[in-house]
C-alpha atoms as a PDB file:
ATOM      1  CA  MET A   1     -87.311 -65.644 -15.501  1.00  0.00           C
ATOM      2  CA  PRO A   2     -84.952 -63.159 -17.170  1.00  0.00           C
ATOM      3  CA  PRO A   3     -85.244 -59.457 -16.276  1.00  0.00           C
ATOM      4  CA  PRO A   4     -87.244 -57.160 -18.555  1.00  0.00           C
ATOM      5  CA  ARG A   5     -85.440 -56.185 -21.734  1.00  0.00           C
ATOM      6  CA  ARG A   6     -86.219 -52.603 -22.649  1.00  0.00           C
ATOM      7  CA  PRO A   7     -86.133 -51.738 -26.364  1.00  0.00           C
ATOM      8  CA  HIS A   8     -83.596 -49.101 -27.369  1.00  0.00           C
ATOM      9  CA  PRO A   9     -84.977 -46.436 -29.758  1.00  0.00           C
ATOM     10  CA  ASN A  10     -82.080 -46.893 -32.156  1.00  0.00           C
ATOM     11  CA  ASN A  11     -82.531 -50.659 -32.441  1.00  0.00           C
ATOM     12  CA  ALA A  12     -85.725 -50.663 -34.497  1.00  0.00           C
ATOM     13  CA  VAL A  13     -86.573 -53.930 -36.241  1.00  0.00           C
ATOM     14  CA  PRO A  14     -86.226 -53.167 -39.975  1.00  0.00           C
ATOM     15  CA  ALA A  15     -88.993 -55.445 -41.209  1.00  0.00           C
ATOM     16  CA  ALA A  16     -91.907 -57.519 -39.986  1.00  0.00           C
ATOM     17  CA  SER A  17     -90.255 -60.634 -41.425  1.00  0.00           C
ATOM     18  CA  LEU A  18     -87.295 -60.172 -39.097  1.00  0.00           C
ATOM     19  CA  ALA A  19     -89.630 -59.674 -36.156  1.00  0.00           C
ATOM     20  CA  ARG A  20     -91.494 -62.887 -37.030  1.00  0.00           C
ATOM     21  CA  ALA A  21     -88.228 -64.781 -37.222  1.00  0.00           C
ATOM     22  CA  ALA A  22     -87.204 -63.506 -33.784  1.00  0.00           C
ATOM     23  CA  LEU A  23     -90.576 -64.420 -32.272  1.00  0.00           C
ATOM     24  CA  THR A  24     -90.440 -67.884 -33.827  1.00  0.00           C
ATOM     25  CA  ALA A  25     -87.001 -68.441 -32.331  1.00  0.00           C
ATOM     26  CA  VAL A  26     -88.204 -67.460 -28.863  1.00  0.00           C
ATOM     27  CA  LEU A  27     -91.342 -69.584 -29.034  1.00  0.00           C
ATOM     28  CA  SER A  28     -89.432 -72.616 -30.316  1.00  0.00           C
ATOM     29  CA  GLY A  29     -86.896 -72.404 -27.498  1.00  0.00           C
ATOM     30  CA  LYS A  30     -84.028 -71.664 -29.926  1.00  0.00           C
ATOM     31  CA  SER A  31     -83.465 -68.159 -28.619  1.00  0.00           C
ATOM     32  CA  PRO A  32     -80.289 -67.667 -26.596  1.00  0.00           C
ATOM     33  CA  THR A  33     -82.334 -65.728 -24.063  1.00  0.00           C
ATOM     34  CA  PRO A  34     -85.656 -67.617 -23.792  1.00  0.00           C
ATOM     35  CA  ALA A  35     -88.422 -66.057 -21.776  1.00  0.00           C
ATOM     36  CA  ALA A  36     -91.480 -67.630 -20.255  1.00  0.00           C
ATOM     37  CA  ARG A  37     -93.404 -64.532 -21.280  1.00  0.00           C
ATOM     38  CA  LEU A  38     -93.004 -62.612 -24.475  1.00  0.00           C
ATOM     39  CA  VAL A  39     -94.610 -59.179 -24.677  1.00  0.00           C
ATOM     40  CA  VAL A  40     -94.725 -57.520 -28.095  1.00  0.00           C
ATOM     41  CA  ILE A  41     -95.593 -53.819 -28.310  1.00  0.00           C
ATOM     42  CA  VAL A  42     -97.028 -53.143 -31.772  1.00  0.00           C
ATOM     43  CA  SER A  43     -99.501 -50.385 -32.603  1.00  0.00           C
ATOM     44  CA  ALA A  44    -100.951 -52.199 -35.615  1.00  0.00           C
ATOM     45  CA  GLY A  45    -100.757 -55.673 -37.123  1.00  0.00           C
ATOM     46  CA  GLY A  46    -100.065 -57.504 -33.867  1.00  0.00           C
ATOM     47  CA  GLU A  47    -102.666 -60.110 -34.631  1.00  0.00           C
ATOM     48  CA  ARG A  48    -101.135 -60.807 -38.050  1.00  0.00           C
ATOM     49  CA  LEU A  49     -97.708 -61.105 -36.483  1.00  0.00           C
ATOM     50  CA  LEU A  50     -98.917 -63.781 -34.060  1.00  0.00           C
ATOM     51  CA  HIS A  51    -101.000 -65.635 -36.666  1.00  0.00           C
ATOM     52  CA  ASP A  52     -97.929 -65.902 -38.849  1.00  0.00           C
ATOM     53  CA  LEU A  53     -96.381 -68.090 -36.142  1.00  0.00           C
ATOM     54  CA  GLY A  54     -98.913 -70.788 -37.015  1.00  0.00           C
ATOM     55  CA  ARG A  55    -100.667 -71.024 -33.662  1.00  0.00           C
ATOM     56  CA  ASP A  56    -104.134 -70.134 -32.447  1.00  0.00           C
ATOM     57  CA  VAL A  57    -104.393 -66.539 -31.378  1.00  0.00           C
ATOM     58  CA  HIS A  58    -107.056 -65.117 -29.105  1.00  0.00           C
ATOM     59  CA  GLU A  59    -108.070 -61.545 -29.935  1.00  0.00           C
ATOM     60  CA  ALA A  60    -108.648 -59.684 -26.695  1.00  0.00           C
ATOM     61  CA  ARG A  61    -112.134 -58.374 -27.513  1.00  0.00           C
ATOM     62  CA  HIS A  62    -113.298 -61.794 -28.674  1.00  0.00           C
ATOM     63  CA  LEU A  63    -111.722 -63.420 -25.611  1.00  0.00           C
ATOM     64  CA  ALA A  64    -113.499 -60.901 -23.402  1.00  0.00           C
ATOM     65  CA  ARG A  65    -116.832 -62.020 -24.787  1.00  0.00           C
ATOM     66  CA  ARG A  66    -115.918 -65.667 -24.155  1.00  0.00           C
ATOM     67  CA  LEU A  67    -114.988 -64.836 -20.579  1.00  0.00           C
ATOM     68  CA  ALA A  68    -118.248 -62.969 -20.029  1.00  0.00           C
ATOM     69  CA  LEU A  69    -120.248 -65.889 -21.425  1.00  0.00           C
ATOM     70  CA  ALA A  70    -118.338 -68.378 -19.304  1.00  0.00           C
ATOM     71  CA  GLU A  71    -118.960 -66.266 -16.207  1.00  0.00           C
ATOM     72  CA  ALA A  72    -122.677 -66.163 -16.942  1.00  0.00           C
ATOM     73  CA  ARG A  73    -122.826 -69.938 -17.494  1.00  0.00           C
ATOM     74  CA  GLY A  74    -120.590 -70.825 -14.568  1.00  0.00           C
ATOM     75  CA  THR A  75    -118.056 -72.505 -16.882  1.00  0.00           C
ATOM     76  CA  LEU A  76    -115.091 -70.226 -16.231  1.00  0.00           C
ATOM     77  CA  ASP A  77    -112.961 -73.054 -14.815  1.00  0.00           C
ATOM     78  CA  ARG A  78    -113.527 -75.096 -17.959  1.00  0.00           C
ATOM     79  CA  LEU A  79    -112.558 -72.142 -20.180  1.00  0.00           C
ATOM     80  CA  ARG A  80    -109.408 -71.571 -18.124  1.00  0.00           C
ATOM     81  CA  HIS A  81    -108.446 -75.212 -18.664  1.00  0.00           C
ATOM     82  CA  ASP A  82    -109.116 -75.034 -22.396  1.00  0.00           C
ATOM     83  CA  LEU A  83    -107.032 -71.889 -22.797  1.00  0.00           C
ATOM     84  CA  THR A  84    -104.008 -73.264 -20.975  1.00  0.00           C
ATOM     85  CA  ALA A  85    -104.139 -76.968 -21.886  1.00  0.00           C
ATOM     86  CA  ALA A  86    -101.899 -76.572 -24.963  1.00  0.00           C
ATOM     87  CA  GLY A  87     -99.020 -75.283 -22.850  1.00  0.00           C
ATOM     88  CA  TRP A  88     -98.975 -71.893 -24.590  1.00  0.00           C
ATOM     89  CA  LEU A  89    -101.242 -68.904 -24.740  1.00  0.00           C
ATOM     90  CA  MET A  90    -101.268 -66.154 -27.367  1.00  0.00           C
ATOM     91  CA  ILE A  91    -103.409 -63.050 -26.978  1.00  0.00           C
ATOM     92  CA  ALA A  92    -103.490 -60.117 -29.421  1.00  0.00           C
ATOM     93  CA  ALA A  93    -104.052 -56.564 -28.082  1.00  0.00           C
ATOM     94  CA  VAL A  94    -104.375 -57.782 -24.503  1.00  0.00           C
ATOM     95  CA  ASP A  95    -104.678 -54.138 -23.349  1.00  0.00           C
ATOM     96  CA  ARG A  96    -108.178 -54.211 -24.879  1.00  0.00           C
ATOM     97  CA  ILE A  97    -109.415 -57.057 -22.687  1.00  0.00           C
ATOM     98  CA  GLY A  98    -111.742 -54.799 -20.729  1.00  0.00           C
ATOM     99  CA  ARG A  99    -112.654 -54.409 -17.103  1.00  0.00           C
ATOM    100  CA  PRO A 100    -110.254 -55.121 -14.180  1.00  0.00           C
ATOM    101  CA  ALA A 101    -111.920 -58.413 -13.265  1.00  0.00           C
ATOM    102  CA  ARG A 102    -111.119 -59.832 -16.719  1.00  0.00           C
ATOM    103  CA  GLN A 103    -107.578 -58.442 -16.496  1.00  0.00           C
ATOM    104  CA  ARG A 104    -107.078 -60.417 -13.259  1.00  0.00           C
ATOM    105  CA  VAL A 105    -108.299 -63.559 -15.024  1.00  0.00           C
ATOM    106  CA  ILE A 106    -105.778 -63.014 -17.819  1.00  0.00           C
ATOM    107  CA  ALA A 107    -102.986 -62.514 -15.272  1.00  0.00           C
ATOM    108  CA  ALA A 108    -103.912 -65.834 -13.665  1.00  0.00           C
ATOM    109  CA  LEU A 109    -103.969 -67.535 -17.076  1.00  0.00           C
ATOM    110  CA  LEU A 110    -100.482 -66.249 -17.860  1.00  0.00           C
ATOM    111  CA  ASP A 111     -99.276 -67.610 -14.517  1.00  0.00           C
ATOM    112  CA  ALA A 112    -100.896 -70.975 -15.152  1.00  0.00           C
ATOM    113  CA  VAL A 113     -99.169 -71.364 -18.517  1.00  0.00           C
ATOM    114  CA  VAL A 114     -95.778 -70.361 -17.147  1.00  0.00           C
ATOM    115  CA  ASP A 115     -96.137 -72.568 -14.040  1.00  0.00           C
ATOM    116  CA  GLN A 116     -96.583 -75.636 -16.238  1.00  0.00           C
ATOM    117  CA  GLY A 117     -93.471 -74.756 -18.215  1.00  0.00           C
ATOM    118  CA  GLY A 118     -95.295 -73.237 -21.164  1.00  0.00           C
ATOM    119  CA  MET A 119     -95.016 -70.025 -23.110  1.00  0.00           C
ATOM    120  CA  ALA A 120     -97.206 -66.921 -22.969  1.00  0.00           C
ATOM    121  CA  CYS A 121     -97.056 -64.430 -25.810  1.00  0.00           C
ATOM    122  CA  VAL A 122     -99.157 -61.282 -25.961  1.00  0.00           C
ATOM    123  CA  THR A 123     -99.242 -58.093 -27.943  1.00  0.00           C
ATOM    124  CA  LEU A 124    -100.220 -54.637 -26.733  1.00  0.00           C
ATOM    125  CA  THR A 125    -100.916 -51.471 -28.691  1.00  0.00           C
ATOM    126  CA  VAL A 126     -98.990 -49.414 -26.112  1.00  0.00           C
ATOM    127  CA  PRO A 127     -96.313 -50.282 -23.517  1.00  0.00           C
ATOM    128  CA  PRO A 128     -97.656 -52.125 -20.445  1.00  0.00           C
ATOM    129  CA  THR A 129     -96.943 -49.234 -18.119  1.00  0.00           C
ATOM    130  CA  ALA A 130     -98.894 -46.831 -20.348  1.00  0.00           C
ATOM    131  CA  ALA A 131    -101.951 -49.015 -20.869  1.00  0.00           C
ATOM    132  CA  GLY A 132    -103.759 -48.267 -17.626  1.00  0.00           C
ATOM    133  CA  LEU A 133    -103.876 -51.954 -16.748  1.00  0.00           C
ATOM    134  CA  HIS A 134    -104.790 -53.531 -13.412  1.00  0.00           C
ATOM    135  CA  PRO A 135    -101.568 -53.951 -11.364  1.00  0.00           C
ATOM    136  CA  ALA A 136    -101.934 -57.753 -11.416  1.00  0.00           C
ATOM    137  CA  LEU A 137    -101.771 -57.832 -15.228  1.00  0.00           C
ATOM    138  CA  GLU A 138     -99.276 -54.998 -15.643  1.00  0.00           C
ATOM    139  CA  SER A 139     -96.789 -56.714 -13.326  1.00  0.00           C
ATOM    140  CA  ARG A 140     -96.921 -59.861 -15.497  1.00  0.00           C
ATOM    141  CA  LEU A 141     -96.325 -57.907 -18.697  1.00  0.00           C
ATOM    142  CA  VAL A 142     -93.249 -56.004 -17.551  1.00  0.00           C
ATOM    143  CA  SER A 143     -91.490 -59.317 -16.818  1.00  0.00           C
ATOM    144  CA  GLY A 144     -89.991 -61.558 -19.451  1.00  0.00           C
ATOM    145  CA  LEU A 145     -88.897 -60.428 -22.882  1.00  0.00           C
ATOM    146  CA  VAL A 146     -90.392 -57.090 -24.011  1.00  0.00           C
ATOM    147  CA  VAL A 147     -90.033 -56.262 -27.683  1.00  0.00           C
ATOM    148  CA  THR A 148     -91.195 -53.174 -29.581  1.00  0.00           C
ATOM    149  CA  VAL A 149     -91.964 -53.785 -33.243  1.00  0.00           C
ATOM    150  CA  PRO A 150     -92.196 -50.628 -35.381  1.00  0.00           C
ATOM    151  CA  THR A 151     -94.992 -50.606 -37.899  1.00  0.00           C
ATOM    152  CA  GLY A 152     -95.457 -48.885 -41.232  1.00  0.00           C
ATOM    153  CA  PRO A 153     -98.425 -46.784 -42.374  1.00  0.00           C
ATOM    154  CA  LYS A 154    -101.789 -47.998 -41.194  1.00  0.00           C
ATOM    155  CA  PRO A 155    -103.875 -49.898 -43.745  1.00  0.00           C
ATOM    156  CA  MET A 156    -106.990 -48.300 -45.135  1.00  0.00           C
ATOM    157  CA  ALA A 157    -109.862 -48.225 -42.710  1.00  0.00           C
ATOM    158  CA  ALA A 158    -112.050 -51.295 -42.831  1.00  0.00           C
ATOM    159  CA  GLY A 159    -115.248 -49.306 -42.535  1.00  0.00           C
ATOM    160  CA  GLY A 160    -115.193 -47.308 -45.735  1.00  0.00           C
ATOM    161  CA  GLY A 161    -113.373 -46.343 -48.914  1.00  0.00           C
ATOM    162  CA  ARG A 162    -112.356 -48.289 -51.990  1.00  0.00           C
ATOM    163  CA  CYS A 163    -110.912 -51.172 -49.940  1.00  0.00           C
ATOM    164  CA  SER A 164    -113.473 -51.531 -47.184  1.00  0.00           C
ATOM    165  CA  LEU A 165    -114.661 -54.982 -46.171  1.00  0.00           C
ATOM    166  CA  GLN A 166    -118.050 -54.404 -47.773  1.00  0.00           C
ATOM    167  CA  ALA A 167    -116.440 -53.092 -50.981  1.00  0.00           C
ATOM    168  CA  VAL A 168    -114.341 -56.257 -51.197  1.00  0.00           C
ATOM    169  CA  ILE A 169    -117.421 -58.440 -50.722  1.00  0.00           C
ATOM    170  CA  ARG A 170    -119.486 -56.578 -53.323  1.00  0.00           C
ATOM    171  CA  THR A 171    -116.627 -56.483 -55.865  1.00  0.00           C
ATOM    172  CA  THR A 172    -115.754 -60.158 -55.463  1.00  0.00           C
ATOM    173  CA  ALA A 173    -119.406 -61.188 -55.756  1.00  0.00           C
ATOM    174  CA  ARG A 174    -119.795 -59.167 -58.971  1.00  0.00           C
ATOM    175  CA  LEU A 175    -116.620 -60.472 -60.623  1.00  0.00           C
ATOM    176  CA  GLN A 176    -117.296 -64.035 -59.575  1.00  0.00           C
ATOM    177  CA  GLY A 177    -120.908 -63.866 -60.737  1.00  0.00           C
ATOM    178  CA  VAL A 178    -122.503 -64.853 -57.443  1.00  0.00           C
ATOM    179  CA  PRO A 179    -125.048 -63.022 -55.255  1.00  0.00           C
ATOM    180  CA  VAL A 180    -123.612 -61.281 -52.211  1.00  0.00           C
ATOM    181  CA  ALA A 181    -125.983 -63.298 -49.986  1.00  0.00           C
ATOM    182  CA  GLN A 182    -124.494 -66.556 -51.255  1.00  0.00           C
ATOM    183  CA  LEU A 183    -120.934 -65.318 -51.015  1.00  0.00           C
ATOM    184  CA  VAL A 184    -121.347 -64.512 -47.305  1.00  0.00           C
ATOM    185  CA  GLY A 185    -123.751 -67.385 -46.654  1.00  0.00           C
ATOM    186  CA  HIS A 186    -123.286 -70.981 -45.542  1.00  0.00           C
ATOM    187  CA  ASP A 187    -123.467 -72.772 -48.903  1.00  0.00           C
ATOM    188  CA  ARG A 188    -120.335 -74.970 -49.065  1.00  0.00           C
ATOM    189  CA  HIS A 189    -120.428 -75.665 -52.779  1.00  0.00           C
ATOM    190  CA  ARG A 190    -116.882 -75.790 -54.077  1.00  0.00           C
ATOM    191  CA  SER A 191    -117.222 -72.831 -56.434  1.00  0.00           C
ATOM    192  CA  LEU A 192    -118.767 -70.667 -53.705  1.00  0.00           C
ATOM    193  CA  ALA A 193    -116.112 -71.702 -51.208  1.00  0.00           C
ATOM    194  CA  ARG A 194    -113.435 -70.690 -53.730  1.00  0.00           C
ATOM    195  CA  SER A 195    -115.041 -67.251 -54.325  1.00  0.00           C
ATOM    196  CA  ARG A 196    -115.491 -66.791 -50.586  1.00  0.00           C
ATOM    197  CA  GLY A 197    -111.824 -67.583 -50.048  1.00  0.00           C
ATOM    198  CA  ILE A 198    -110.782 -64.995 -52.620  1.00  0.00           C
ATOM    199  CA  ALA A 199    -112.906 -62.339 -50.894  1.00  0.00           C
ATOM    200  CA  MET A 200    -111.533 -63.239 -47.471  1.00  0.00           C
ATOM    201  CA  TYR A 201    -107.957 -63.181 -48.772  1.00  0.00           C
ATOM    202  CA  VAL A 202    -108.357 -59.758 -50.374  1.00  0.00           C
ATOM    203  CA  ALA A 203    -110.177 -58.385 -47.320  1.00  0.00           C
ATOM    204  CA  ARG A 204    -107.402 -59.582 -45.038  1.00  0.00           C
ATOM    205  CA  ALA A 205    -104.621 -58.395 -47.337  1.00  0.00           C
ATOM    206  CA  CYS A 206    -105.982 -54.920 -48.069  1.00  0.00           C
ATOM    207  CA  THR A 207    -108.297 -53.672 -45.319  1.00  0.00           C
ATOM    208  CA  GLY A 208    -106.531 -54.507 -42.079  1.00  0.00           C
ATOM    209  CA  THR A 209    -109.767 -56.105 -40.853  1.00  0.00           C
ATOM    210  CA  SER A 210    -109.273 -58.731 -38.146  1.00  0.00           C
ATOM    211  CA  LEU A 211    -109.909 -62.393 -38.925  1.00  0.00           C
ATOM    212  CA  ALA A 212    -112.662 -62.398 -36.321  1.00  0.00           C
ATOM    213  CA  ALA A 213    -114.439 -59.494 -38.088  1.00  0.00           C
ATOM    214  CA  ILE A 214    -113.992 -61.127 -41.478  1.00  0.00           C
ATOM    215  CA  GLY A 215    -115.440 -64.405 -40.236  1.00  0.00           C
ATOM    216  CA  LEU A 216    -118.364 -62.552 -38.716  1.00  0.00           C
ATOM    217  CA  ALA A 217    -119.067 -60.755 -41.994  1.00  0.00           C
ATOM    218  CA  PHE A 218    -119.090 -64.104 -43.818  1.00  0.00           C
ATOM    219  CA  GLY A 219    -122.017 -65.759 -42.104  1.00  0.00           C
ATOM    220  CA  GLY A 220    -120.817 -65.599 -38.535  1.00  0.00           C
ATOM    221  CA  ARG A 221    -117.811 -67.855 -39.068  1.00  0.00           C
ATOM    222  CA  ASP A 222    -115.074 -67.879 -36.425  1.00  0.00           C
ATOM    223  CA  HIS A 223    -111.561 -66.498 -36.923  1.00  0.00           C
ATOM    224  CA  THR A 224    -109.959 -69.907 -37.416  1.00  0.00           C
ATOM    225  CA  THR A 225    -112.246 -70.631 -40.377  1.00  0.00           C
ATOM    226  CA  ALA A 226    -111.347 -67.267 -41.915  1.00  0.00           C
ATOM    227  CA  MET A 227    -107.647 -67.934 -41.265  1.00  0.00           C
ATOM    228  CA  ARG A 228    -107.821 -71.326 -43.043  1.00  0.00           C
ATOM    229  CA  SER A 229    -109.526 -69.774 -46.061  1.00  0.00           C
ATOM    230  CA  VAL A 230    -106.994 -66.962 -46.304  1.00  0.00           C
ATOM    231  CA  ARG A 231    -104.032 -69.332 -46.003  1.00  0.00           C
ATOM    232  CA  ALA A 232    -105.503 -71.740 -48.583  1.00  0.00           C
ATOM    233  CA  VAL A 233    -105.687 -68.954 -51.168  1.00  0.00           C
ATOM    234  CA  GLU A 234    -102.208 -67.697 -50.277  1.00  0.00           C
ATOM    235  CA  THR A 235    -100.776 -71.223 -50.577  1.00  0.00           C
ATOM    236  CA  HIS A 236    -102.206 -71.837 -54.040  1.00  0.00           C
ATOM    237  CA  LEU A 237    -101.594 -68.434 -55.616  1.00  0.00           C
ATOM    238  CA  ALA A 238     -98.168 -69.392 -56.927  1.00  0.00           C
ATOM    239  CA  THR A 239     -99.355 -72.650 -58.538  1.00  0.00           C
ATOM    240  CA  ASP A 240    -102.867 -71.760 -59.713  1.00  0.00           C
ATOM    241  CA  PRO A 241    -102.782 -69.105 -62.477  1.00  0.00           C
ATOM    242  CA  THR A 242    -106.581 -68.864 -62.645  1.00  0.00           C
ATOM    243  CA  LEU A 243    -106.773 -68.166 -58.949  1.00  0.00           C
ATOM    244  CA  ALA A 244    -104.013 -65.558 -59.216  1.00  0.00           C
ATOM    245  CA  THR A 245    -105.901 -63.872 -62.082  1.00  0.00           C
ATOM    246  CA  ASP A 246    -109.133 -63.806 -60.108  1.00  0.00           C
ATOM    247  CA  VAL A 247    -107.435 -62.231 -57.114  1.00  0.00           C
ATOM    248  CA  ARG A 248    -105.694 -59.687 -59.368  1.00  0.00           C
ATOM    249  CA  ASP A 249    -109.011 -58.823 -60.996  1.00  0.00           C
ATOM    250  CA  VAL A 250    -110.583 -58.052 -57.626  1.00  0.00           C
ATOM    251  CA  LEU A 251    -107.601 -55.911 -56.661  1.00  0.00           C
ATOM    252  CA  THR A 252    -107.716 -54.042 -59.992  1.00  0.00           C
ATOM    253  CA  ALA A 253    -111.454 -53.409 -59.635  1.00  0.00           C
ATOM    254  CA  LEU A 254    -110.745 -51.926 -56.184  1.00  0.00           C
ATOM    255  CA  GLY A 255    -108.083 -49.702 -57.696  1.00  0.00           C
ATOM    256  CA  LEU A 256    -105.207 -51.591 -56.091  1.00  0.00           C
ATOM    257  CA  THR A 257    -102.229 -53.591 -57.268  1.00  0.00           C
ATOM    258  CA  THR A 258    -100.700 -56.836 -56.014  1.00  0.00           C
ATOM    259  CA  HIS A 259     -97.882 -54.741 -54.511  1.00  0.00           C
ATOM    260  CA  GLU A 260    -100.386 -52.938 -52.280  1.00  0.00           C
ATOM    261  CA  ALA A 261    -101.882 -56.195 -51.015  1.00  0.00           C
ATOM    262  CA  ARG A 262    -100.220 -57.566 -47.914  1.00  0.00           C
ATOM    263  CA  PRO A 263    -101.388 -61.130 -47.203  1.00  0.00           C
ATOM    264  CA  ALA A 264    -102.034 -62.207 -43.667  1.00  0.00           C
END
């Protein structure tokens, strides 16, 4: 395993797109200095950065709940197998995983992936040595390739204001002519699914809300369902003028422009 690579303050990555390209190169094995572990220090947007790589990402707080449930049910070994079976493990904001016992589990998971020749990629909101982590986890995160990705201004808070998650839901429902309850419900009618996708896309692009939180707000769906909906809208925006108009109408009603929306 290569020695830790400390970021130099004058070598800031100029754009998130460049950072994504670098991460993709490392994960695909095309990097000239591959690492079995990739640690990305990013104060905001770490989850988006990992999702852009096209792989399943486990958000630390959601993963902590899964670990707690597995512990209660006695299925922790099965969960460990499921998390490492793909040969790679991606965790966003791993410094938020919770109590020391869970941190030790994560350290063991990272070892398991690396031992089978796989790749572990995690993000932290602060450097590993400043996160107050259990020594078992901290020692894993100071080895490998450590990258600091500078971020721009934080997006508007998801809990309130003109571009809150609830404001997006209410505005989309009104403009699409559907009740809020149906928009966030489980009806899979094509027209409702389309409106729901628009709301999820705008929520993700403008509020900074996590995919897990968006899925939860839309009838308790999981983050992968929300991610598929967001990507479907993003994929068709360039070829579907009606869809582009509907998205623009929601943004306008929220007092935003397409330039202020940053898709996931």
